N, C-alpha and C. Protein backbone atom coordinates (compact mmCIF):
# COMPACT_ATOMS: atom_id res chain seq x y z
N MET A 1 99.89 68.47 156.12
CA MET A 1 99.52 67.51 155.10
C MET A 1 99.99 68.45 153.83
N SER A 2 100.32 67.42 152.82
CA SER A 2 100.59 67.90 151.58
C SER A 2 98.98 67.95 150.82
N LYS A 3 99.48 69.14 149.80
CA LYS A 3 98.17 69.43 149.06
C LYS A 3 98.74 69.35 147.43
N ILE A 4 97.97 68.79 146.79
CA ILE A 4 97.65 69.13 145.46
C ILE A 4 96.87 69.50 144.33
N HIS A 5 97.49 70.69 143.83
CA HIS A 5 96.82 71.31 143.00
C HIS A 5 96.65 70.58 141.53
N ILE A 6 95.74 70.40 140.90
CA ILE A 6 95.58 70.12 139.51
C ILE A 6 94.47 71.25 138.80
N VAL A 7 95.59 71.99 137.83
CA VAL A 7 94.45 72.71 136.97
C VAL A 7 94.75 72.78 135.35
N ARG A 8 93.81 72.70 134.99
CA ARG A 8 93.25 72.46 133.65
C ARG A 8 92.48 73.55 132.96
N ILE A 9 93.08 74.28 131.94
CA ILE A 9 92.43 75.54 131.56
C ILE A 9 91.61 74.87 130.27
N VAL A 10 90.75 75.16 130.14
CA VAL A 10 89.46 74.63 128.70
C VAL A 10 88.91 75.83 128.68
N ASN A 11 88.27 75.83 127.41
CA ASN A 11 87.80 76.74 126.86
C ASN A 11 86.23 76.44 126.48
N VAL A 12 85.83 76.24 127.53
CA VAL A 12 84.14 75.61 128.00
C VAL A 12 83.42 76.95 128.97
N GLU A 13 82.04 76.52 128.78
CA GLU A 13 81.59 77.51 130.08
C GLU A 13 81.99 76.94 131.43
N ARG A 14 82.01 77.55 132.55
CA ARG A 14 82.32 77.48 133.32
C ARG A 14 81.60 76.47 134.22
N LYS A 15 80.39 76.54 134.34
CA LYS A 15 79.37 75.65 134.90
C LYS A 15 79.47 74.21 134.19
N LYS A 16 79.46 74.46 132.82
CA LYS A 16 79.91 73.35 132.13
C LYS A 16 80.87 72.27 132.48
N ALA A 17 81.93 72.83 132.49
CA ALA A 17 83.45 72.58 133.30
C ALA A 17 83.09 71.61 134.47
N PHE A 18 82.53 72.49 135.63
CA PHE A 18 82.57 72.14 136.80
C PHE A 18 81.50 70.93 137.27
N LYS A 19 80.35 70.50 136.24
CA LYS A 19 79.83 69.91 136.40
C LYS A 19 80.30 68.69 136.22
N SER A 20 80.97 68.42 135.07
CA SER A 20 81.51 67.58 134.41
C SER A 20 82.87 67.04 135.47
N GLY A 21 83.51 67.94 135.92
CA GLY A 21 84.58 67.39 137.13
C GLY A 21 83.34 67.04 138.34
N THR A 22 82.82 66.88 138.45
CA THR A 22 82.50 66.95 140.12
C THR A 22 81.03 65.82 139.73
N ASP A 23 81.09 65.29 138.43
CA ASP A 23 79.96 64.31 138.08
C ASP A 23 80.41 62.95 138.40
N PHE A 24 80.87 62.61 139.85
CA PHE A 24 81.77 61.04 140.01
C PHE A 24 81.19 59.76 138.99
N GLU A 25 79.86 59.67 139.37
CA GLU A 25 79.22 58.34 138.73
C GLU A 25 79.58 58.43 137.13
N SER A 26 80.42 59.39 136.58
CA SER A 26 80.55 59.24 135.03
C SER A 26 81.76 59.32 134.95
N PHE A 27 82.96 59.11 136.10
CA PHE A 27 83.91 59.34 135.89
C PHE A 27 84.63 57.98 135.27
N LYS A 28 84.01 56.80 135.47
CA LYS A 28 84.41 55.45 135.01
C LYS A 28 84.12 55.75 133.68
N LEU A 29 82.95 55.93 133.21
CA LEU A 29 82.36 55.91 131.85
C LEU A 29 83.50 57.20 130.81
N LYS A 30 83.81 58.11 131.39
CA LYS A 30 84.68 59.50 131.05
C LYS A 30 86.20 58.94 130.69
N LEU A 31 86.50 58.43 132.22
CA LEU A 31 88.18 58.30 131.64
C LEU A 31 88.14 56.60 132.27
N PRO A 32 87.90 55.22 131.61
CA PRO A 32 87.59 54.30 131.97
C PRO A 32 89.72 53.95 132.11
N ARG A 33 90.51 54.71 131.65
CA ARG A 33 91.96 53.86 131.80
C ARG A 33 92.22 54.34 132.72
N TYR A 34 91.75 55.41 133.71
CA TYR A 34 92.41 55.73 135.05
C TYR A 34 90.85 55.54 136.32
N PHE A 35 90.10 54.98 135.90
CA PHE A 35 89.20 55.18 136.84
C PHE A 35 88.42 53.71 136.84
N LYS A 36 89.11 53.02 137.61
CA LYS A 36 88.54 51.01 137.89
C LYS A 36 87.21 51.14 138.48
N LEU A 37 86.80 51.63 139.35
CA LEU A 37 85.61 51.86 140.07
C LEU A 37 85.29 52.97 141.04
N ILE A 38 83.99 53.62 141.12
CA ILE A 38 83.53 54.77 141.47
C ILE A 38 82.95 54.37 142.44
N ARG A 39 82.72 54.06 143.69
CA ARG A 39 81.47 53.96 144.77
C ARG A 39 81.06 54.94 145.62
N ILE A 40 79.70 55.70 145.58
CA ILE A 40 79.83 56.46 146.18
C ILE A 40 78.70 56.46 147.51
N HIS A 41 79.76 56.32 148.56
CA HIS A 41 79.45 56.02 149.70
C HIS A 41 77.89 57.19 150.35
N SER A 42 77.74 58.52 150.26
CA SER A 42 76.94 59.61 150.45
C SER A 42 77.18 60.53 149.85
N ILE A 43 75.93 61.32 150.06
CA ILE A 43 76.08 62.65 149.66
C ILE A 43 75.16 63.56 150.35
N ARG A 44 75.71 64.33 150.85
CA ARG A 44 74.41 65.16 151.56
C ARG A 44 75.02 66.62 151.46
N ASP A 45 73.91 67.40 151.33
CA ASP A 45 74.26 69.23 150.67
C ASP A 45 75.66 69.05 149.78
N HIS A 46 76.92 70.00 150.25
CA HIS A 46 77.78 70.25 149.39
C HIS A 46 78.66 69.42 149.45
N ASN A 47 78.53 67.81 150.15
CA ASN A 47 79.53 67.37 150.85
C ASN A 47 79.46 65.25 150.18
N SER A 48 80.47 65.14 149.72
CA SER A 48 80.54 63.70 149.46
C SER A 48 81.43 62.82 149.63
N VAL A 49 80.76 61.34 150.11
CA VAL A 49 82.08 60.62 150.03
C VAL A 49 82.28 59.83 149.51
N ILE A 50 83.09 59.52 148.46
CA ILE A 50 83.15 58.53 147.74
C ILE A 50 84.37 57.59 147.53
N GLU A 51 84.44 56.29 147.28
CA GLU A 51 85.38 55.10 147.18
C GLU A 51 85.91 55.24 145.87
N ILE A 52 87.16 55.42 145.33
CA ILE A 52 87.81 55.20 144.18
C ILE A 52 88.61 54.03 144.01
N HIS A 53 88.70 53.25 143.34
CA HIS A 53 89.79 52.27 142.84
C HIS A 53 90.57 52.84 141.44
N ALA A 54 91.63 53.13 141.51
CA ALA A 54 91.94 53.95 140.01
C ALA A 54 93.50 53.68 139.93
N LYS A 55 93.70 53.89 138.94
CA LYS A 55 95.45 53.78 138.27
C LYS A 55 95.95 55.02 137.52
N ILE A 56 97.18 55.01 138.28
CA ILE A 56 97.72 56.41 137.29
C ILE A 56 98.85 55.89 137.47
N ALA A 57 99.65 56.47 136.46
CA ALA A 57 101.10 56.21 136.10
C ALA A 57 101.63 54.94 136.56
N GLU A 58 100.54 53.36 136.20
CA GLU A 58 100.85 52.18 136.16
C GLU A 58 100.58 51.83 137.76
N LYS A 59 100.55 52.68 138.60
CA LYS A 59 100.02 52.30 139.90
C LYS A 59 98.66 52.59 140.51
N GLU A 60 98.23 51.03 140.85
CA GLU A 60 97.12 51.09 141.10
C GLU A 60 96.80 51.79 142.87
N PHE A 61 95.83 51.77 143.21
CA PHE A 61 95.40 52.54 144.72
C PHE A 61 93.82 52.73 144.88
N ILE A 62 93.52 52.44 146.09
CA ILE A 62 92.13 52.58 146.50
C ILE A 62 92.11 53.35 147.43
N MET A 63 91.13 54.49 147.33
CA MET A 63 91.12 55.51 148.60
C MET A 63 89.85 55.66 148.72
N LEU A 64 89.66 56.40 150.00
CA LEU A 64 87.93 57.12 150.47
C LEU A 64 88.34 58.20 150.49
N THR A 65 87.65 58.69 149.59
CA THR A 65 87.87 60.79 149.87
C THR A 65 86.46 61.54 149.98
N LYS A 66 86.49 62.63 150.57
CA LYS A 66 85.71 63.39 150.86
C LYS A 66 85.42 64.67 150.06
N HIS A 67 84.50 64.65 149.45
CA HIS A 67 84.70 65.89 148.32
C HIS A 67 83.55 67.19 148.90
N THR A 68 83.87 68.64 149.07
CA THR A 68 83.32 69.49 149.29
C THR A 68 83.36 70.47 148.38
N VAL A 69 82.35 70.57 147.16
CA VAL A 69 82.15 71.18 146.20
C VAL A 69 80.95 72.43 146.39
N LYS A 70 81.27 73.44 145.90
CA LYS A 70 80.95 74.65 146.32
C LYS A 70 80.81 75.97 144.66
N PRO A 71 79.52 75.15 143.87
CA PRO A 71 79.51 75.19 142.48
C PRO A 71 79.22 76.97 142.34
N SER A 72 80.23 77.25 141.15
CA SER A 72 80.64 76.82 140.35
C SER A 72 82.60 77.04 140.61
N GLU A 73 82.96 77.27 142.12
CA GLU A 73 84.52 77.79 142.39
C GLU A 73 85.46 76.74 142.64
N ILE A 74 84.99 75.91 143.67
CA ILE A 74 85.76 75.29 144.44
C ILE A 74 85.26 73.97 144.28
N HIS A 75 85.95 72.75 144.38
CA HIS A 75 86.23 71.69 144.80
C HIS A 75 87.29 70.69 145.16
N GLU A 76 87.16 70.88 146.89
CA GLU A 76 88.53 70.26 147.25
C GLU A 76 87.98 68.61 147.81
N THR A 77 89.05 67.90 147.43
CA THR A 77 89.35 66.54 147.90
C THR A 77 90.09 66.30 148.88
N PHE A 78 89.57 65.52 149.91
CA PHE A 78 90.56 64.97 150.92
C PHE A 78 89.97 63.72 151.17
N ILE A 79 91.63 63.30 151.26
CA ILE A 79 91.43 61.70 151.57
C ILE A 79 91.45 61.18 152.83
N LEU A 80 90.01 60.48 153.11
CA LEU A 80 90.39 59.84 154.33
C LEU A 80 90.84 58.66 154.73
N SER A 81 91.26 57.71 154.21
CA SER A 81 91.89 56.64 154.47
C SER A 81 92.25 56.17 152.80
N GLY A 82 93.12 54.90 153.03
CA GLY A 82 93.73 54.21 151.95
C GLY A 82 95.20 54.74 151.87
N ASP A 83 95.27 54.75 149.90
CA ASP A 83 96.93 54.39 149.36
C ASP A 83 97.17 55.99 149.19
N THR A 84 97.30 56.94 150.22
CA THR A 84 98.02 58.35 150.34
C THR A 84 99.13 58.42 150.16
N ILE A 85 99.94 57.08 150.03
CA ILE A 85 101.05 57.18 149.97
C ILE A 85 101.77 57.28 148.41
N PHE A 86 100.67 57.07 147.54
CA PHE A 86 100.89 57.01 146.07
C PHE A 86 101.00 58.42 145.73
N PHE A 87 100.46 59.58 146.32
CA PHE A 87 100.81 60.89 146.27
C PHE A 87 101.80 61.40 146.73
N GLN A 88 102.40 61.06 147.55
CA GLN A 88 103.65 61.63 148.44
C GLN A 88 104.83 61.03 147.03
N LYS A 89 104.47 60.18 146.52
CA LYS A 89 106.17 59.64 145.88
C LYS A 89 105.46 60.52 144.30
N ILE A 90 104.59 60.77 144.19
CA ILE A 90 104.64 61.70 143.02
C ILE A 90 105.55 62.90 142.95
N ARG A 91 105.16 63.51 144.07
CA ARG A 91 105.77 65.06 143.91
C ARG A 91 107.05 65.35 143.44
């Protein structure tokens, strides 16, 4: 299984940065260039299933993802179905 680590260093309070990175509903508003549609299928405890329609590097893709969030340190994303081939080509 391939793993992708996205790291961004910012000068902001940890809880605020984590909240922003896990507020799925606001992705389309904050980053409309990349996120065309975000549909939340379910949220239970620390797990969410999210449908993502996005465009990165001029490539459009659709994925169903599972997000496991453990505030304020861990946000893991698992691709359940969709255009996973896109990420294999980026490496």
